[in-house]
Every structure is written in C-alpha cells, then in structure tokens.
C-alpha cells in the first residue's frame, strides 16, 4: 500500500491492498471492497451499529441543534 502525504487511506488504497494481499484481480478486489462498504452503509442506514472485532465500532449518532433541522453524522468510536 502506498503512503500518501496527507495520511488519508482512500478506497483505491484499500482495493490495492486487497489485490496485493489476496492476489485477486483489481476488478474483483474492487467488487469485494464495494460490497463491504455497501453492507456497512446499509446497516447504519437501518439504524444498527457495525462492530468489526479487533478494529472498531461504527454508529450513527443523532445530533440536535437549536433552531435547525436534525443533523446526522457518522461517528467512529
């Protein structure tokens, strides 16, 4: 995996890591990564938390601001 100057890990970086570590084609690696991210996104959208053992927990927290619409944001704990 290449090291970018701003330390941001992109989806492309993850696809490259899957490709290099597992030996799948780039196309198949991209499908695997996209499927994983879509599963996480749909689970969060359905109001459930995502726990990846040994990595972390993802959940959506509801935040209210005075005089504004409710705002939702993804928080990694």
N, C-alpha and C. Protein backbone atom coordinates (compact mmCIF):
# COMPACT_ATOMS: atom_id res chain seq x y z
N UNK A 1 0.84 -1.17 0.00
CA UNK A 1 0.00 0.00 0.00
C UNK A 1 0.89 1.23 0.00
N UNK A 2 0.59 2.17 -0.87
CA UNK A 2 1.39 3.39 -0.93
C UNK A 2 1.06 4.29 0.25
N UNK A 3 2.02 5.11 0.60
CA UNK A 3 1.80 6.03 1.71
C UNK A 3 1.57 7.41 1.12
N UNK A 4 0.38 7.95 1.32
CA UNK A 4 0.08 9.26 0.78
C UNK A 4 0.55 10.34 1.74
N UNK A 5 0.90 11.52 1.23
CA UNK A 5 1.47 12.57 2.07
C UNK A 5 0.52 13.08 3.15
N UNK A 6 -0.79 13.03 2.92
CA UNK A 6 -1.72 13.54 3.92
C UNK A 6 -2.27 12.44 4.83
N UNK A 7 -1.73 11.21 4.71
CA UNK A 7 -2.08 10.10 5.58
C UNK A 7 -3.54 9.65 5.43
N UNK A 8 -4.18 9.97 4.35
CA UNK A 8 -5.56 9.55 4.10
C UNK A 8 -5.56 8.23 3.36
N UNK A 9 -6.32 7.28 3.88
CA UNK A 9 -6.47 5.99 3.21
C UNK A 9 -7.70 6.07 2.32
N UNK A 10 -7.51 5.92 1.04
CA UNK A 10 -8.62 6.01 0.10
C UNK A 10 -9.17 4.62 -0.22
N UNK A 11 -10.33 4.60 -0.84
CA UNK A 11 -10.92 3.33 -1.27
C UNK A 11 -9.99 2.64 -2.26
N UNK A 12 -9.36 3.41 -3.11
CA UNK A 12 -8.40 2.86 -4.07
C UNK A 12 -7.23 2.18 -3.35
N UNK A 13 -6.76 2.77 -2.26
CA UNK A 13 -5.69 2.17 -1.46
C UNK A 13 -6.14 0.82 -0.89
N UNK A 14 -7.37 0.75 -0.43
CA UNK A 14 -7.90 -0.49 0.13
C UNK A 14 -8.02 -1.55 -0.97
N UNK A 15 -8.50 -1.15 -2.14
CA UNK A 15 -8.60 -2.08 -3.27
C UNK A 15 -7.22 -2.61 -3.63
N UNK A 16 -6.23 -1.74 -3.67
CA UNK A 16 -4.86 -2.17 -3.97
C UNK A 16 -4.36 -3.16 -2.92
N UNK A 17 -4.65 -2.91 -1.64
CA UNK A 17 -4.20 -3.81 -0.58
C UNK A 17 -4.86 -5.18 -0.70
N UNK A 18 -6.15 -5.22 -1.00
CA UNK A 18 -6.85 -6.49 -1.19
C UNK A 18 -6.24 -7.22 -2.39
N UNK A 19 -6.02 -6.48 -3.47
CA UNK A 19 -5.41 -7.06 -4.68
C UNK A 19 -4.04 -7.66 -4.36
N UNK A 20 -3.21 -6.90 -3.67
CA UNK A 20 -1.84 -7.35 -3.38
C UNK A 20 -1.80 -8.48 -2.35
N UNK A 21 -2.65 -8.41 -1.33
CA UNK A 21 -2.62 -9.41 -0.26
C UNK A 21 -3.28 -10.72 -0.62
N UNK A 22 -4.34 -10.66 -1.42
CA UNK A 22 -5.10 -11.87 -1.73
C UNK A 22 -4.88 -12.39 -3.14
N UNK A 23 -4.29 -11.55 -3.99
CA UNK A 23 -3.99 -11.99 -5.34
C UNK A 23 -5.17 -12.01 -6.29
N UNK A 24 -6.29 -11.42 -5.88
CA UNK A 24 -7.45 -11.33 -6.78
C UNK A 24 -7.19 -10.24 -7.81
N UNK A 25 -7.96 -10.26 -8.88
CA UNK A 25 -7.84 -9.20 -9.88
C UNK A 25 -8.28 -7.88 -9.25
N UNK A 26 -7.86 -6.78 -9.86
CA UNK A 26 -8.26 -5.47 -9.35
C UNK A 26 -9.78 -5.31 -9.41
N UNK A 27 -10.40 -5.84 -10.46
CA UNK A 27 -11.84 -5.75 -10.61
C UNK A 27 -12.55 -6.49 -9.48
N UNK A 28 -12.12 -7.71 -9.22
CA UNK A 28 -12.73 -8.50 -8.14
C UNK A 28 -12.46 -7.85 -6.78
N UNK A 29 -11.25 -7.35 -6.58
CA UNK A 29 -10.90 -6.67 -5.32
C UNK A 29 -11.79 -5.45 -5.11
N UNK A 30 -12.04 -4.69 -6.17
CA UNK A 30 -12.91 -3.51 -6.07
C UNK A 30 -14.33 -3.93 -5.74
N UNK A 31 -14.81 -5.03 -6.31
CA UNK A 31 -16.16 -5.53 -6.01
C UNK A 31 -16.26 -5.94 -4.54
N UNK A 32 -15.23 -6.59 -4.02
CA UNK A 32 -15.24 -7.02 -2.62
C UNK A 32 -15.29 -5.81 -1.69
N UNK A 33 -14.44 -4.83 -1.95
CA UNK A 33 -14.40 -3.62 -1.12
C UNK A 33 -15.73 -2.87 -1.20
N UNK A 34 -16.25 -2.72 -2.41
CA UNK A 34 -17.53 -2.01 -2.59
C UNK A 34 -18.66 -2.73 -1.87
N UNK A 35 -18.67 -4.06 -1.93
CA UNK A 35 -19.70 -4.84 -1.26
C UNK A 35 -19.61 -4.66 0.26
N UNK A 36 -18.42 -4.69 0.79
CA UNK A 36 -18.23 -4.49 2.23
C UNK A 36 -18.72 -3.10 2.65
N UNK A 37 -18.31 -2.07 1.92
CA UNK A 37 -18.71 -0.71 2.28
C UNK A 37 -20.22 -0.51 2.14
N UNK A 38 -20.82 -1.12 1.13
CA UNK A 38 -22.27 -1.02 0.94
C UNK A 38 -23.02 -1.70 2.08
N UNK A 39 -22.51 -2.85 2.53
CA UNK A 39 -23.12 -3.56 3.66
C UNK A 39 -23.05 -2.71 4.92
N UNK A 40 -21.91 -2.09 5.18
CA UNK A 40 -21.76 -1.21 6.35
C UNK A 40 -22.71 -0.03 6.23
N UNK A 41 -22.77 0.59 5.05
CA UNK A 41 -23.63 1.76 4.84
C UNK A 41 -25.10 1.41 5.05
N UNK A 42 -25.55 0.29 4.49
CA UNK A 42 -26.95 -0.11 4.63
C UNK A 42 -27.30 -0.45 6.09
N UNK A 43 -26.38 -1.10 6.78
CA UNK A 43 -26.60 -1.45 8.18
C UNK A 43 -26.77 -0.18 9.02
N UNK A 44 -25.90 0.80 8.80
CA UNK A 44 -26.01 2.07 9.52
C UNK A 44 -27.29 2.81 9.16
N UNK A 45 -27.66 2.78 7.88
CA UNK A 45 -28.89 3.44 7.43
C UNK A 45 -30.12 2.82 8.06
N UNK A 46 -30.05 1.53 8.41
CA UNK A 46 -31.17 0.84 9.06
C UNK A 46 -31.16 1.03 10.57
N UNK A 47 -30.28 1.90 11.06
CA UNK A 47 -30.27 2.23 12.48
C UNK A 47 -29.50 1.25 13.36
N UNK A 48 -28.74 0.37 12.75
CA UNK A 48 -27.96 -0.61 13.52
C UNK A 48 -26.49 -0.19 13.55
N UNK A 49 -25.79 -0.60 14.60
CA UNK A 49 -24.36 -0.36 14.71
C UNK A 49 -23.60 -1.45 13.95
N UNK A 50 -22.35 -1.14 13.60
CA UNK A 50 -21.47 -2.11 12.95
C UNK A 50 -20.25 -2.28 13.85
N UNK A 51 -20.02 -3.51 14.30
CA UNK A 51 -18.87 -3.82 15.14
C UNK A 51 -17.96 -4.77 14.38
N UNK A 52 -16.73 -4.32 14.13
CA UNK A 52 -15.73 -5.15 13.48
C UNK A 52 -14.71 -5.50 14.57
N UNK A 53 -14.78 -6.73 15.05
CA UNK A 53 -13.92 -7.15 16.16
C UNK A 53 -12.45 -6.90 15.82
N UNK A 54 -11.74 -6.34 16.77
CA UNK A 54 -10.33 -6.05 16.59
C UNK A 54 -10.07 -4.79 15.78
N UNK A 55 -11.13 -4.11 15.36
CA UNK A 55 -10.95 -2.89 14.57
C UNK A 55 -11.67 -1.71 15.19
N UNK A 56 -13.01 -1.80 15.30
CA UNK A 56 -13.76 -0.69 15.87
C UNK A 56 -15.25 -0.82 15.66
N UNK A 57 -15.96 0.17 16.16
CA UNK A 57 -17.42 0.19 16.08
C UNK A 57 -17.83 1.46 15.34
N UNK A 58 -18.77 1.29 14.42
CA UNK A 58 -19.33 2.42 13.69
C UNK A 58 -20.79 2.55 14.08
N UNK A 59 -21.21 3.77 14.35
CA UNK A 59 -22.61 4.01 14.67
C UNK A 59 -22.99 5.41 14.21
N UNK A 60 -24.28 5.60 14.01
CA UNK A 60 -24.79 6.90 13.62
C UNK A 60 -25.36 7.55 14.87
N UNK A 61 -24.90 8.74 15.15
CA UNK A 61 -25.41 9.48 16.31
C UNK A 61 -26.28 10.63 15.82
N UNK A 62 -27.39 10.81 16.48
CA UNK A 62 -28.33 11.87 16.14
C UNK A 62 -27.97 13.11 16.96
N UNK A 63 -27.78 14.23 16.28
CA UNK A 63 -27.39 15.46 16.94
C UNK A 63 -28.46 16.52 16.66
N UNK A 64 -28.93 17.19 17.70
CA UNK A 64 -29.90 18.27 17.51
C UNK A 64 -29.22 19.60 17.73
N UNK A 65 -29.54 20.54 16.89
CA UNK A 65 -29.07 21.92 17.06
C UNK A 65 -30.28 22.81 17.28
N UNK A 66 -30.11 23.81 18.06
CA UNK A 66 -31.22 24.73 18.34
C UNK A 66 -31.62 25.48 17.08
N UNK A 67 -32.92 25.43 16.76
CA UNK A 67 -33.46 26.19 15.64
C UNK A 67 -33.11 25.65 14.26
N UNK A 68 -32.60 24.45 14.19
CA UNK A 68 -32.25 23.88 12.89
C UNK A 68 -32.81 22.47 12.79
N UNK A 69 -32.76 21.95 11.57
CA UNK A 69 -33.19 20.57 11.38
C UNK A 69 -32.23 19.62 12.08
N UNK A 70 -32.72 18.43 12.37
CA UNK A 70 -31.85 17.42 12.97
C UNK A 70 -30.76 17.04 11.97
N UNK A 71 -29.56 16.87 12.46
CA UNK A 71 -28.42 16.54 11.62
C UNK A 71 -27.87 15.20 12.06
N UNK A 72 -27.55 14.34 11.11
CA UNK A 72 -26.98 13.04 11.39
C UNK A 72 -25.55 13.01 10.91
N UNK A 73 -24.69 12.37 11.68
CA UNK A 73 -23.32 12.20 11.23
C UNK A 73 -22.79 10.86 11.72
N UNK A 74 -21.84 10.31 10.96
CA UNK A 74 -21.22 9.04 11.28
C UNK A 74 -20.06 9.30 12.22
N UNK A 75 -20.06 8.59 13.35
CA UNK A 75 -19.01 8.76 14.36
C UNK A 75 -18.35 7.42 14.58
N UNK A 76 -17.02 7.37 14.48
CA UNK A 76 -16.28 6.14 14.75
C UNK A 76 -15.85 6.19 16.20
N UNK A 77 -16.19 5.13 16.94
CA UNK A 77 -15.83 5.06 18.36
C UNK A 77 -14.78 4.00 18.54
